[in-house]
Amino acid sequence: MRRTIVAAWNIPTEGIIPTLIILSICFLAGGLTGCLVAAQVGGAGETSLNAYLQAFLQAAQSGAVDAPTLWSQVWDTLRWPLLALLLGLTALGVLGLPILFGVRGFLLAFSIASFVRAFGGSGWLLACLVFGIGEILSLPVLFILGVQSFLSARALAARVRGEEKGRVLWGRDCLVRCAMCGGILCVCILLEQTAVPALLSNAAAILVS
């Protein structure tokens, strides 16, 4: 069993570092764009966003913020890794995965920057509680599956061009790797359902008082 688990992480080393760099750059570029967009929001958009975040803070302070429904939380947690896996099944993943990581970085950074802009320094704490606990687990999973899928999509693209080099990374090791990532995401969902609402309510009470 131990040998199987170790083998599951043996992704062929060729191309891993360049792939990780590409996806990281796309994620960071999306994050930078998200921060810039959040900083440029003004007028009615800024008023509406601030009103929404203030209402969220007050609800959290009063303990009225409940954990999302289980199925909603499952979808929010699994949709990005699942999309990364699906893109790895087609040669289009070579283009789709960098876009996916860019969009993910944009949405995450925009959300965090909006909290910081609305609440100042204390917005970092709220943002870490709302997003950080889950993202600490889900982001590494996304990068692991994203790198695997990009290498697979690249191999498929090579076959489409008539090249025989490279192999598609979908076998027993891949299934074990995906199962282990799925277990990590289950822990993420559990934390989001149990720990986050209580921590957020306590933090909001401290910030409001």
N, C-alpha and C. Protein backbone atom coordinates (compact mmCIF):
# COMPACT_ATOMS: atom_id res chain seq x y z
N MET A 1 0.84 -1.21 0.00
CA MET A 1 0.00 0.00 0.00
C MET A 1 0.87 1.26 0.00
N ARG A 2 1.91 1.23 0.85
CA ARG A 2 2.79 2.39 0.91
C ARG A 2 3.48 2.61 -0.43
N ARG A 3 3.89 1.49 -1.07
CA ARG A 3 4.56 1.60 -2.36
C ARG A 3 3.62 2.18 -3.41
N THR A 4 2.34 1.82 -3.33
CA THR A 4 1.35 2.35 -4.27
C THR A 4 1.16 3.85 -4.10
N ILE A 5 1.12 4.29 -2.84
CA ILE A 5 0.94 5.72 -2.56
C ILE A 5 2.14 6.52 -3.05
N VAL A 6 3.35 6.00 -2.80
CA VAL A 6 4.56 6.68 -3.25
C VAL A 6 4.59 6.75 -4.77
N ALA A 7 4.23 5.63 -5.43
CA ALA A 7 4.25 5.60 -6.89
C ALA A 7 3.24 6.56 -7.49
N ALA A 8 2.15 6.85 -6.76
CA ALA A 8 1.11 7.72 -7.29
C ALA A 8 1.62 9.12 -7.53
N TRP A 9 2.64 9.53 -6.78
CA TRP A 9 3.17 10.89 -6.93
C TRP A 9 4.33 10.96 -7.91
N ASN A 10 4.66 9.84 -8.55
CA ASN A 10 5.77 9.82 -9.50
C ASN A 10 5.32 10.27 -10.88
N ILE A 11 4.95 11.53 -10.98
CA ILE A 11 4.66 12.12 -12.28
C ILE A 11 5.98 12.26 -13.03
N PRO A 12 6.03 11.89 -14.32
CA PRO A 12 7.28 12.05 -15.07
C PRO A 12 7.83 13.46 -14.92
N THR A 13 9.12 13.54 -14.57
CA THR A 13 9.71 14.85 -14.23
C THR A 13 9.85 15.77 -15.43
N GLU A 14 9.86 15.21 -16.63
CA GLU A 14 10.04 16.04 -17.82
C GLU A 14 8.87 17.00 -17.97
N GLY A 15 9.16 18.26 -17.91
CA GLY A 15 8.14 19.28 -18.14
C GLY A 15 7.41 19.75 -16.90
N ILE A 16 7.68 19.14 -15.73
CA ILE A 16 6.93 19.54 -14.53
C ILE A 16 7.24 20.98 -14.16
N ILE A 17 8.53 21.33 -14.07
CA ILE A 17 8.91 22.67 -13.65
C ILE A 17 8.40 23.74 -14.63
N PRO A 18 8.60 23.58 -15.96
CA PRO A 18 8.04 24.58 -16.88
C PRO A 18 6.53 24.69 -16.77
N THR A 19 5.86 23.54 -16.60
CA THR A 19 4.39 23.57 -16.47
C THR A 19 3.98 24.30 -15.21
N LEU A 20 4.65 24.02 -14.09
CA LEU A 20 4.33 24.69 -12.84
C LEU A 20 4.56 26.19 -12.95
N ILE A 21 5.63 26.57 -13.64
CA ILE A 21 5.92 28.00 -13.83
C ILE A 21 4.83 28.66 -14.66
N ILE A 22 4.42 27.99 -15.75
CA ILE A 22 3.37 28.56 -16.62
C ILE A 22 2.08 28.77 -15.85
N LEU A 23 1.63 27.73 -15.12
CA LEU A 23 0.37 27.83 -14.39
C LEU A 23 0.47 28.84 -13.24
N SER A 24 1.63 28.91 -12.60
CA SER A 24 1.81 29.87 -11.51
C SER A 24 1.78 31.30 -12.03
N ILE A 25 2.41 31.53 -13.18
CA ILE A 25 2.40 32.87 -13.77
C ILE A 25 0.97 33.28 -14.13
N CYS A 26 0.23 32.35 -14.71
CA CYS A 26 -1.17 32.65 -15.07
C CYS A 26 -2.00 32.94 -13.82
N PHE A 27 -1.78 32.16 -12.76
CA PHE A 27 -2.51 32.38 -11.52
C PHE A 27 -2.16 33.73 -10.91
N LEU A 28 -0.88 34.05 -10.87
CA LEU A 28 -0.45 35.32 -10.31
C LEU A 28 -0.89 36.51 -11.16
N ALA A 29 -0.85 36.33 -12.49
CA ALA A 29 -1.33 37.41 -13.37
C ALA A 29 -2.81 37.66 -13.16
N GLY A 30 -3.58 36.58 -13.02
CA GLY A 30 -5.01 36.74 -12.72
C GLY A 30 -5.22 37.40 -11.38
N GLY A 31 -4.39 37.03 -10.38
CA GLY A 31 -4.51 37.64 -9.06
C GLY A 31 -4.19 39.12 -9.09
N LEU A 32 -3.13 39.50 -9.82
CA LEU A 32 -2.78 40.91 -9.92
C LEU A 32 -3.89 41.69 -10.60
N THR A 33 -4.46 41.12 -11.65
CA THR A 33 -5.58 41.78 -12.33
C THR A 33 -6.77 41.94 -11.40
N GLY A 34 -7.05 40.90 -10.60
CA GLY A 34 -8.14 40.99 -9.64
C GLY A 34 -7.95 42.10 -8.64
N CYS A 35 -6.71 42.25 -8.14
CA CYS A 35 -6.43 43.34 -7.20
C CYS A 35 -6.62 44.71 -7.84
N LEU A 36 -6.15 44.84 -9.08
CA LEU A 36 -6.28 46.12 -9.79
C LEU A 36 -7.74 46.46 -10.05
N VAL A 37 -8.51 45.47 -10.44
CA VAL A 37 -9.94 45.71 -10.70
C VAL A 37 -10.65 46.09 -9.42
N ALA A 38 -10.34 45.40 -8.30
CA ALA A 38 -10.97 45.74 -7.02
C ALA A 38 -10.62 47.16 -6.60
N ALA A 39 -9.39 47.58 -6.89
CA ALA A 39 -8.97 48.93 -6.53
C ALA A 39 -9.64 49.99 -7.38
N GLN A 40 -10.07 49.62 -8.60
CA GLN A 40 -10.67 50.58 -9.52
C GLN A 40 -12.20 50.65 -9.42
N VAL A 41 -12.80 49.75 -8.64
CA VAL A 41 -14.26 49.78 -8.51
C VAL A 41 -14.68 51.07 -7.82
N GLY A 42 -15.60 51.76 -8.40
CA GLY A 42 -16.04 53.04 -7.85
C GLY A 42 -17.51 53.29 -8.14
N GLY A 43 -18.01 54.40 -7.68
CA GLY A 43 -19.38 54.79 -7.96
C GLY A 43 -20.38 53.84 -7.34
N ALA A 44 -21.44 53.53 -8.11
CA ALA A 44 -22.50 52.67 -7.60
C ALA A 44 -21.99 51.28 -7.30
N GLY A 45 -21.01 50.81 -8.10
CA GLY A 45 -20.46 49.49 -7.87
C GLY A 45 -19.77 49.40 -6.53
N GLU A 46 -19.01 50.42 -6.18
CA GLU A 46 -18.32 50.43 -4.89
C GLU A 46 -19.31 50.50 -3.75
N THR A 47 -20.35 51.33 -3.90
CA THR A 47 -21.35 51.46 -2.85
C THR A 47 -22.06 50.13 -2.60
N SER A 48 -22.44 49.47 -3.67
CA SER A 48 -23.15 48.19 -3.55
C SER A 48 -22.25 47.13 -2.92
N LEU A 49 -20.99 47.11 -3.35
CA LEU A 49 -20.06 46.11 -2.82
C LEU A 49 -19.81 46.34 -1.34
N ASN A 50 -19.59 47.59 -0.95
CA ASN A 50 -19.36 47.89 0.47
C ASN A 50 -20.57 47.58 1.31
N ALA A 51 -21.77 47.89 0.79
CA ALA A 51 -23.00 47.61 1.53
C ALA A 51 -23.15 46.10 1.74
N TYR A 52 -22.82 45.34 0.70
CA TYR A 52 -22.92 43.87 0.81
C TYR A 52 -21.95 43.34 1.86
N LEU A 53 -20.70 43.83 1.83
CA LEU A 53 -19.71 43.34 2.77
C LEU A 53 -20.01 43.78 4.20
N GLN A 54 -20.54 44.99 4.36
CA GLN A 54 -20.93 45.44 5.69
C GLN A 54 -22.07 44.59 6.25
N ALA A 55 -23.04 44.27 5.39
CA ALA A 55 -24.14 43.40 5.81
C ALA A 55 -23.61 42.01 6.18
N PHE A 56 -22.64 41.54 5.42
CA PHE A 56 -22.03 40.24 5.71
C PHE A 56 -21.33 40.27 7.07
N LEU A 57 -20.60 41.35 7.35
CA LEU A 57 -19.90 41.47 8.62
C LEU A 57 -20.88 41.51 9.79
N GLN A 58 -21.95 42.26 9.64
CA GLN A 58 -22.95 42.36 10.71
C GLN A 58 -23.63 41.01 10.94
N ALA A 59 -23.92 40.31 9.86
CA ALA A 59 -24.53 38.99 10.00
C ALA A 59 -23.58 38.02 10.68
N ALA A 60 -22.30 38.10 10.33
CA ALA A 60 -21.31 37.23 10.98
C ALA A 60 -21.18 37.56 12.45
N GLN A 61 -21.22 38.86 12.76
CA GLN A 61 -21.08 39.28 14.16
C GLN A 61 -22.24 38.77 15.01
N SER A 62 -23.44 38.73 14.43
CA SER A 62 -24.61 38.26 15.16
C SER A 62 -24.78 36.75 15.11
N GLY A 63 -23.86 36.08 14.40
CA GLY A 63 -23.96 34.63 14.29
C GLY A 63 -24.99 34.16 13.30
N ALA A 64 -25.45 35.07 12.43
CA ALA A 64 -26.48 34.71 11.46
C ALA A 64 -25.91 34.13 10.18
N VAL A 65 -24.59 34.06 10.08
CA VAL A 65 -23.98 33.46 8.90
C VAL A 65 -23.85 31.97 9.12
N ASP A 66 -24.65 31.21 8.41
CA ASP A 66 -24.60 29.77 8.52
C ASP A 66 -23.69 29.20 7.44
N ALA A 67 -23.22 28.00 7.67
CA ALA A 67 -22.44 27.32 6.65
C ALA A 67 -23.31 27.07 5.44
N PRO A 68 -22.77 27.16 4.25
CA PRO A 68 -23.56 26.87 3.06
C PRO A 68 -24.05 25.44 3.08
N THR A 69 -25.07 25.16 2.31
CA THR A 69 -25.57 23.80 2.24
C THR A 69 -24.45 22.87 1.77
N LEU A 70 -24.58 21.62 2.14
CA LEU A 70 -23.51 20.67 1.84
C LEU A 70 -23.23 20.58 0.36
N TRP A 71 -24.30 20.47 -0.45
CA TRP A 71 -24.10 20.32 -1.89
C TRP A 71 -23.51 21.58 -2.50
N SER A 72 -23.90 22.74 -1.98
CA SER A 72 -23.32 23.98 -2.45
C SER A 72 -21.84 24.04 -2.12
N GLN A 73 -21.48 23.60 -0.91
CA GLN A 73 -20.08 23.60 -0.52
C GLN A 73 -19.27 22.59 -1.34
N VAL A 74 -19.87 21.44 -1.62
CA VAL A 74 -19.20 20.43 -2.45
C VAL A 74 -18.92 20.99 -3.84
N TRP A 75 -19.91 21.66 -4.41
CA TRP A 75 -19.73 22.24 -5.75
C TRP A 75 -18.66 23.33 -5.74
N ASP A 76 -18.70 24.21 -4.75
CA ASP A 76 -17.72 25.30 -4.67
C ASP A 76 -16.30 24.76 -4.54
N THR A 77 -16.14 23.65 -3.83
CA THR A 77 -14.81 23.10 -3.59
C THR A 77 -14.30 22.26 -4.75
N LEU A 78 -15.20 21.52 -5.38
CA LEU A 78 -14.77 20.54 -6.39
C LEU A 78 -14.76 21.07 -7.81
N ARG A 79 -15.42 22.18 -8.08
CA ARG A 79 -15.59 22.59 -9.47
C ARG A 79 -14.27 22.91 -10.17
N TRP A 80 -13.34 23.57 -9.46
CA TRP A 80 -12.07 23.92 -10.10
C TRP A 80 -11.19 22.70 -10.34
N PRO A 81 -10.99 21.81 -9.35
CA PRO A 81 -10.22 20.60 -9.64
C PRO A 81 -10.86 19.72 -10.70
N LEU A 82 -12.20 19.61 -10.69
CA LEU A 82 -12.87 18.80 -11.70
C LEU A 82 -12.68 19.36 -13.09
N LEU A 83 -12.78 20.67 -13.22
CA LEU A 83 -12.58 21.30 -14.52
C LEU A 83 -11.14 21.10 -14.99
N ALA A 84 -10.20 21.18 -14.06
CA ALA A 84 -8.80 20.92 -14.42
C ALA A 84 -8.62 19.50 -14.92
N LEU A 85 -9.27 18.54 -14.28
CA LEU A 85 -9.18 17.15 -14.73
C LEU A 85 -9.79 16.97 -16.10
N LEU A 86 -10.94 17.58 -16.32
CA LEU A 86 -11.62 17.46 -17.62
C LEU A 86 -10.77 18.06 -18.74
N LEU A 87 -10.13 19.18 -18.46
CA LEU A 87 -9.29 19.80 -19.48
C LEU A 87 -8.09 18.93 -19.82
N GLY A 88 -7.68 18.09 -18.88
CA GLY A 88 -6.57 17.19 -19.15
C GLY A 88 -6.93 16.05 -20.07
N LEU A 89 -8.22 15.88 -20.35
CA LEU A 89 -8.67 14.80 -21.24
C LEU A 89 -8.71 15.23 -22.70
N THR A 90 -8.34 16.46 -22.97
CA THR A 90 -8.38 16.97 -24.33
C THR A 90 -7.14 17.81 -24.61
N ALA A 91 -6.76 17.85 -25.86
CA ALA A 91 -5.61 18.67 -26.24
C ALA A 91 -5.86 20.15 -26.00
N LEU A 92 -7.13 20.55 -25.94
CA LEU A 92 -7.46 21.95 -25.68
C LEU A 92 -7.05 22.40 -24.28
N GLY A 93 -6.73 21.43 -23.43
CA GLY A 93 -6.27 21.78 -22.09
C GLY A 93 -4.99 22.57 -22.08
N VAL A 94 -4.20 22.47 -23.15
CA VAL A 94 -2.97 23.25 -23.24
C VAL A 94 -3.27 24.74 -23.17
N LEU A 95 -4.39 25.14 -23.73
CA LEU A 95 -4.82 26.54 -23.66
C LEU A 95 -5.80 26.77 -22.51
N GLY A 96 -6.66 25.77 -22.27
CA GLY A 96 -7.70 25.95 -21.27
C GLY A 96 -7.19 26.01 -19.85
N LEU A 97 -6.17 25.23 -19.52
CA LEU A 97 -5.66 25.23 -18.14
C LEU A 97 -5.02 26.54 -17.73
N PRO A 98 -4.18 27.17 -18.57
CA PRO A 98 -3.68 28.49 -18.18
C PRO A 98 -4.81 29.51 -17.98
N ILE A 99 -5.84 29.44 -18.82
CA ILE A 99 -6.98 30.34 -18.65
C ILE A 99 -7.69 30.05 -17.34
N LEU A 100 -7.88 28.76 -17.04
CA LEU A 100 -8.53 28.36 -15.79
C LEU A 100 -7.79 28.91 -14.58
N PHE A 101 -6.47 28.78 -14.58
CA PHE A 101 -5.69 29.27 -13.44
C PHE A 101 -5.72 30.80 -13.37
N GLY A 102 -5.74 31.45 -14.51
CA GLY A 102 -5.85 32.90 -14.51
C GLY A 102 -7.17 33.37 -13.92
N VAL A 103 -8.26 32.71 -14.30
CA VAL A 103 -9.59 33.07 -13.78
C VAL A 103 -9.66 32.79 -12.28
N ARG A 104 -9.09 31.65 -11.87
CA ARG A 104 -9.11 31.31 -10.43
C ARG A 104 -8.34 32.35 -9.63
N GLY A 105 -7.18 32.74 -10.11
CA GLY A 105 -6.40 33.76 -9.41
C GLY A 105 -7.12 35.09 -9.36
N PHE A 106 -7.79 35.44 -10.46
CA PHE A 106 -8.52 36.71 -10.51
C PHE A 106 -9.64 36.74 -9.47
N LEU A 107 -10.46 35.70 -9.44
CA LEU A 107 -11.62 35.70 -8.54
C LEU A 107 -11.18 35.69 -7.07
N LEU A 108 -10.15 34.91 -6.77
CA LEU A 108 -9.69 34.85 -5.39
C LEU A 108 -9.10 36.18 -4.95
N ALA A 109 -8.24 36.77 -5.77
CA ALA A 109 -7.61 38.04 -5.41
C ALA A 109 -8.63 39.17 -5.35
N PHE A 110 -9.60 39.17 -6.27
CA PHE A 110 -10.63 40.21 -6.24
C PHE A 110 -11.43 40.15 -4.95
N SER A 111 -11.78 38.94 -4.52
CA SER A 111 -12.56 38.78 -3.28
C SER A 111 -11.77 39.26 -2.08
N ILE A 112 -10.50 38.85 -2.00
CA ILE A 112 -9.66 39.25 -0.86
C ILE A 112 -9.45 40.77 -0.86
N ALA A 113 -9.13 41.32 -2.03
CA ALA A 113 -8.89 42.76 -2.13
C ALA A 113 -10.14 43.56 -1.77
N SER A 114 -11.31 43.03 -2.10
CA SER A 114 -12.55 43.74 -1.76
C SER A 114 -12.75 43.80 -0.25
N PHE A 115 -12.43 42.72 0.46
CA PHE A 115 -12.52 42.74 1.92
C PHE A 115 -11.54 43.76 2.50
N VAL A 116 -10.33 43.75 2.00
CA VAL A 116 -9.31 44.66 2.52
C VAL A 116 -9.70 46.11 2.26
N ARG A 117 -10.22 46.37 1.07
CA ARG A 117 -10.61 47.74 0.74
C ARG A 117 -11.78 48.21 1.60
N ALA A 118 -12.71 47.31 1.92
CA ALA A 118 -13.88 47.70 2.69
C ALA A 118 -13.58 47.86 4.17
N PHE A 119 -12.69 47.00 4.73
CA PHE A 119 -12.48 46.98 6.18
C PHE A 119 -11.05 47.33 6.59
N GLY A 120 -10.22 47.70 5.63
CA GLY A 120 -8.85 48.06 5.97
C GLY A 120 -8.03 46.85 6.39
N GLY A 121 -7.14 47.07 7.36
CA GLY A 121 -6.26 45.99 7.80
C GLY A 121 -7.00 44.79 8.35
N SER A 122 -8.12 45.03 9.03
CA SER A 122 -8.89 43.92 9.59
C SER A 122 -9.53 43.07 8.50
N GLY A 123 -9.62 43.62 7.30
CA GLY A 123 -10.18 42.84 6.19
C GLY A 123 -9.33 41.64 5.86
N TRP A 124 -8.01 41.73 6.16
CA TRP A 124 -7.13 40.58 5.93
C TRP A 124 -7.57 39.39 6.78
N LEU A 125 -7.92 39.66 8.04
CA LEU A 125 -8.34 38.58 8.93
C LEU A 125 -9.62 37.94 8.43
N LEU A 126 -10.60 38.77 8.06
CA LEU A 126 -11.85 38.23 7.55
C LEU A 126 -11.63 37.43 6.27
N ALA A 127 -10.82 37.98 5.38
CA ALA A 127 -10.56 37.29 4.12
C ALA A 127 -9.87 35.95 4.36
N CYS A 128 -8.93 35.91 5.31
CA CYS A 128 -8.25 34.66 5.62
C CYS A 128 -9.21 33.62 6.17
N LEU A 129 -10.18 34.06 6.97
CA LEU A 129 -11.14 33.12 7.53
C LEU A 129 -12.13 32.65 6.47
N VAL A 130 -12.58 33.58 5.62
CA VAL A 130 -13.57 33.21 4.61
C VAL A 130 -12.96 32.34 3.52
N PHE A 131 -11.76 32.71 3.08
CA PHE A 131 -11.15 32.02 1.94
C PHE A 131 -9.93 31.18 2.31
N GLY A 132 -9.16 31.66 3.29
CA GLY A 132 -7.85 31.06 3.53
C GLY A 132 -7.87 29.62 4.00
N ILE A 133 -8.77 29.29 4.92
CA ILE A 133 -8.77 27.95 5.50
C ILE A 133 -8.99 26.89 4.43
N GLY A 134 -9.96 27.14 3.56
CA GLY A 134 -10.21 26.18 2.50
C GLY A 134 -9.15 26.19 1.42
N GLU A 135 -8.66 27.40 1.09
CA GLU A 135 -7.70 27.51 -0.01
C GLU A 135 -6.34 26.91 0.34
N ILE A 136 -5.99 26.87 1.62
CA ILE A 136 -4.73 26.26 2.02
C ILE A 136 -4.68 24.81 1.56
N LEU A 137 -5.83 24.15 1.56
CA LEU A 137 -5.89 22.75 1.12
C LEU A 137 -6.24 22.62 -0.35
N SER A 138 -7.18 23.43 -0.83
CA SER A 138 -7.69 23.22 -2.19
C SER A 138 -6.74 23.74 -3.27
N LEU A 139 -5.99 24.80 -2.99
CA LEU A 139 -5.07 25.33 -4.00
C LEU A 139 -3.93 24.36 -4.34
N PRO A 140 -3.26 23.75 -3.34
CA PRO A 140 -2.26 22.75 -3.71
C PRO A 140 -2.83 21.61 -4.53
N VAL A 141 -4.05 21.18 -4.19
CA VAL A 141 -4.70 20.13 -4.98
C VAL A 141 -4.92 20.59 -6.42
N LEU A 142 -5.37 21.83 -6.57
CA LEU A 142 -5.60 22.36 -7.91
C LEU A 142 -4.30 22.38 -8.72
N PHE A 143 -3.20 22.77 -8.09
CA PHE A 143 -1.93 22.81 -8.81
C PHE A 143 -1.43 21.40 -9.14
N ILE A 144 -1.60 20.47 -8.23
CA ILE A 144 -1.18 19.08 -8.51
C ILE A 144 -1.94 18.53 -9.69
N LEU A 145 -3.26 18.66 -9.65
CA LEU A 145 -4.08 18.14 -10.75
C LEU A 145 -3.90 18.95 -12.02
N GLY A 146 -3.65 20.26 -11.86
CA GLY A 146 -3.44 21.10 -13.03
C GLY A 146 -2.17 20.75 -13.78
N VAL A 147 -1.09 20.51 -13.03
CA VAL A 147 0.17 20.11 -13.67
C VAL A 147 0.00 18.77 -14.37
N GLN A 148 -0.61 17.83 -13.68
CA GLN A 148 -0.86 16.51 -14.27
C GLN A 148 -1.68 16.62 -15.55
N SER A 149 -2.74 17.42 -15.49
CA SER A 149 -3.62 17.56 -16.65
C SER A 149 -2.94 18.29 -17.80
N PHE A 150 -2.12 19.28 -17.47
CA PHE A 150 -1.43 20.02 -18.53
C PHE A 150 -0.46 19.10 -19.27
N LEU A 151 0.27 18.27 -18.54
CA LEU A 151 1.19 17.33 -19.17
C LEU A 151 0.44 16.33 -20.04
N SER A 152 -0.72 15.89 -19.55
CA SER A 152 -1.54 14.98 -20.34
C SER A 152 -2.07 15.65 -21.59
N ALA A 153 -2.57 16.89 -21.44
CA ALA A 153 -3.09 17.63 -22.59
C ALA A 153 -1.99 17.89 -23.61
N ARG A 154 -0.78 18.16 -23.12
CA ARG A 154 0.34 18.38 -24.03
C ARG A 154 0.67 17.12 -24.81
N ALA A 155 0.61 15.96 -24.14
CA ALA A 155 0.86 14.70 -24.83
C ALA A 155 -0.22 14.43 -25.88
N LEU A 156 -1.47 14.74 -25.54
CA LEU A 156 -2.55 14.57 -26.50
C LEU A 156 -2.37 15.51 -27.70
N ALA A 157 -1.94 16.75 -27.42
CA ALA A 157 -1.71 17.69 -28.51
C ALA A 157 -0.60 17.19 -29.42
N ALA A 158 0.43 16.56 -28.83
CA ALA A 158 1.52 16.01 -29.65
C ALA A 158 1.00 14.90 -30.55
N ARG A 159 0.09 14.09 -30.04
CA ARG A 159 -0.47 13.02 -30.86
C ARG A 159 -1.34 13.59 -31.99
N VAL A 160 -2.06 14.65 -31.69
CA VAL A 160 -2.87 15.27 -32.74
C VAL A 160 -1.99 15.79 -33.87
N ARG A 161 -0.80 16.29 -33.52
CA ARG A 161 0.13 16.78 -34.53
C ARG A 161 0.89 15.66 -35.22
N GLY A 162 0.62 14.43 -34.81
CA GLY A 162 1.29 13.30 -35.44
C GLY A 162 2.58 12.91 -34.78
N GLU A 163 2.85 13.48 -33.60
CA GLU A 163 4.06 13.12 -32.87
C GLU A 163 3.73 12.02 -31.87
N GLU A 164 4.66 11.10 -31.68
CA GLU A 164 4.42 9.97 -30.80
C GLU A 164 5.09 10.10 -29.44
N LYS A 165 5.82 11.19 -29.26
CA LYS A 165 6.53 11.33 -27.98
C LYS A 165 5.57 11.75 -26.88
N GLY A 166 5.94 11.38 -25.66
CA GLY A 166 5.11 11.74 -24.52
C GLY A 166 4.02 10.71 -24.30
N ARG A 167 3.60 10.56 -23.06
CA ARG A 167 2.54 9.61 -22.76
C ARG A 167 1.43 10.32 -21.99
N VAL A 168 0.24 9.86 -22.18
CA VAL A 168 -0.91 10.43 -21.48
C VAL A 168 -0.94 9.90 -20.05
N LEU A 169 -1.09 10.80 -19.09
CA LEU A 169 -0.93 10.41 -17.69
C LEU A 169 -2.24 9.97 -17.06
N TRP A 170 -2.90 9.00 -17.65
CA TRP A 170 -4.15 8.51 -17.06
C TRP A 170 -4.04 7.00 -16.91
N GLY A 171 -3.70 6.57 -15.71
CA GLY A 171 -3.57 5.16 -15.39
C GLY A 171 -3.84 4.95 -13.92
N ARG A 172 -3.34 3.82 -13.41
CA ARG A 172 -3.59 3.48 -12.01
C ARG A 172 -3.01 4.54 -11.08
N ASP A 173 -1.77 4.97 -11.35
CA ASP A 173 -1.14 5.98 -10.49
C ASP A 173 -1.95 7.26 -10.46
N CYS A 174 -2.48 7.63 -11.62
CA CYS A 174 -3.29 8.84 -11.70
C CYS A 174 -4.55 8.71 -10.86
N LEU A 175 -5.19 7.54 -10.91
CA LEU A 175 -6.41 7.34 -10.14
C LEU A 175 -6.14 7.40 -8.64
N VAL A 176 -5.01 6.82 -8.22
CA VAL A 176 -4.65 6.88 -6.81
C VAL A 176 -4.38 8.32 -6.40
N ARG A 177 -3.67 9.06 -7.26
CA ARG A 177 -3.36 10.46 -6.99
C ARG A 177 -4.65 11.28 -6.87
N CYS A 178 -5.58 11.04 -7.78
CA CYS A 178 -6.85 11.77 -7.74
C CYS A 178 -7.64 11.42 -6.49
N ALA A 179 -7.59 10.14 -6.08
CA ALA A 179 -8.30 9.73 -4.87
C ALA A 179 -7.72 10.41 -3.64
N MET A 180 -6.40 10.53 -3.58
CA MET A 180 -5.76 11.20 -2.45
C MET A 180 -6.11 12.68 -2.43
N CYS A 181 -6.13 13.30 -3.60
CA CYS A 181 -6.54 14.70 -3.68
C CYS A 181 -8.01 14.85 -3.28
N GLY A 182 -8.83 13.87 -3.67
CA GLY A 182 -10.23 13.91 -3.27
C GLY A 182 -10.39 13.84 -1.76
N GLY A 183 -9.55 13.04 -1.09
CA GLY A 183 -9.60 12.97 0.37
C GLY A 183 -9.25 14.31 1.00
N ILE A 184 -8.25 14.98 0.44
CA ILE A 184 -7.87 16.31 0.95
C ILE A 184 -9.02 17.29 0.79
N LEU A 185 -9.70 17.22 -0.35
CA LEU A 185 -10.83 18.12 -0.59
C LEU A 185 -12.00 17.82 0.35
N CYS A 186 -12.16 16.56 0.72
CA CYS A 186 -13.21 16.22 1.70
C CYS A 186 -12.91 16.85 3.05
N VAL A 187 -11.63 16.85 3.45
CA VAL A 187 -11.25 17.53 4.68
C VAL A 187 -11.53 19.02 4.57
N CYS A 188 -11.26 19.58 3.40
CA CYS A 188 -11.53 21.00 3.15
C CYS A 188 -13.01 21.31 3.33
N ILE A 189 -13.86 20.47 2.75
CA ILE A 189 -15.31 20.67 2.88
C ILE A 189 -15.74 20.58 4.34
N LEU A 190 -15.18 19.62 5.07
CA LEU A 190 -15.52 19.45 6.48
C LEU A 190 -15.15 20.69 7.28
N LEU A 191 -13.98 21.25 7.03
CA LEU A 191 -13.56 22.47 7.74
C LEU A 191 -14.46 23.64 7.39
N GLU A 192 -14.81 23.76 6.13
CA GLU A 192 -15.69 24.86 5.71
C GLU A 192 -17.06 24.75 6.35
N GLN A 193 -17.52 23.55 6.59
CA GLN A 193 -18.84 23.34 7.17
C GLN A 193 -18.85 23.52 8.68
N THR A 194 -17.74 23.24 9.34
CA THR A 194 -17.74 23.22 10.80
C THR A 194 -16.95 24.38 11.43
N ALA A 195 -15.71 24.55 11.01
CA ALA A 195 -14.84 25.50 11.70
C ALA A 195 -15.03 26.94 11.24
N VAL A 196 -15.18 27.15 9.94
CA VAL A 196 -15.19 28.51 9.40
C VAL A 196 -16.32 29.38 9.96
N PRO A 197 -17.59 28.92 9.99
CA PRO A 197 -18.66 29.79 10.50
C PRO A 197 -18.40 30.26 11.93
N ALA A 198 -17.93 29.36 12.81
CA ALA A 198 -17.68 29.75 14.20
C ALA A 198 -16.52 30.74 14.30
N LEU A 199 -15.44 30.48 13.59
CA LEU A 199 -14.29 31.39 13.61
C LEU A 199 -14.66 32.75 13.04
N LEU A 200 -15.45 32.75 11.98
CA LEU A 200 -15.85 34.01 11.36
C LEU A 200 -16.73 34.83 12.28
N SER A 201 -17.63 34.16 13.00
CA SER A 201 -18.52 34.86 13.92
C SER A 201 -17.72 35.49 15.06
N ASN A 202 -16.76 34.76 15.62
CA ASN A 202 -15.94 35.28 16.71
C ASN A 202 -15.07 36.45 16.24
N ALA A 203 -14.48 36.31 15.05
CA ALA A 203 -13.64 37.39 14.53
C ALA A 203 -14.46 38.64 14.26
N ALA A 204 -15.65 38.46 13.69
CA ALA A 204 -16.50 39.62 13.40
C ALA A 204 -16.92 40.32 14.68
N ALA A 205 -17.20 39.55 15.72
CA ALA A 205 -17.60 40.15 17.01
C ALA A 205 -16.46 41.01 17.57
N ILE A 206 -15.23 40.54 17.42
CA ILE A 206 -14.09 41.30 17.91
C ILE A 206 -13.89 42.58 17.10
N LEU A 207 -14.04 42.47 15.78
CA LEU A 207 -13.80 43.64 14.92
C LEU A 207 -14.87 44.70 15.10
N VAL A 208 -16.11 44.27 15.31
CA VAL A 208 -17.20 45.23 15.44
C VAL A 208 -17.16 45.92 16.80
N SER A 209 -16.73 45.18 17.84
CA SER A 209 -16.71 45.73 19.19
C SER A 209 -15.59 46.70 19.41
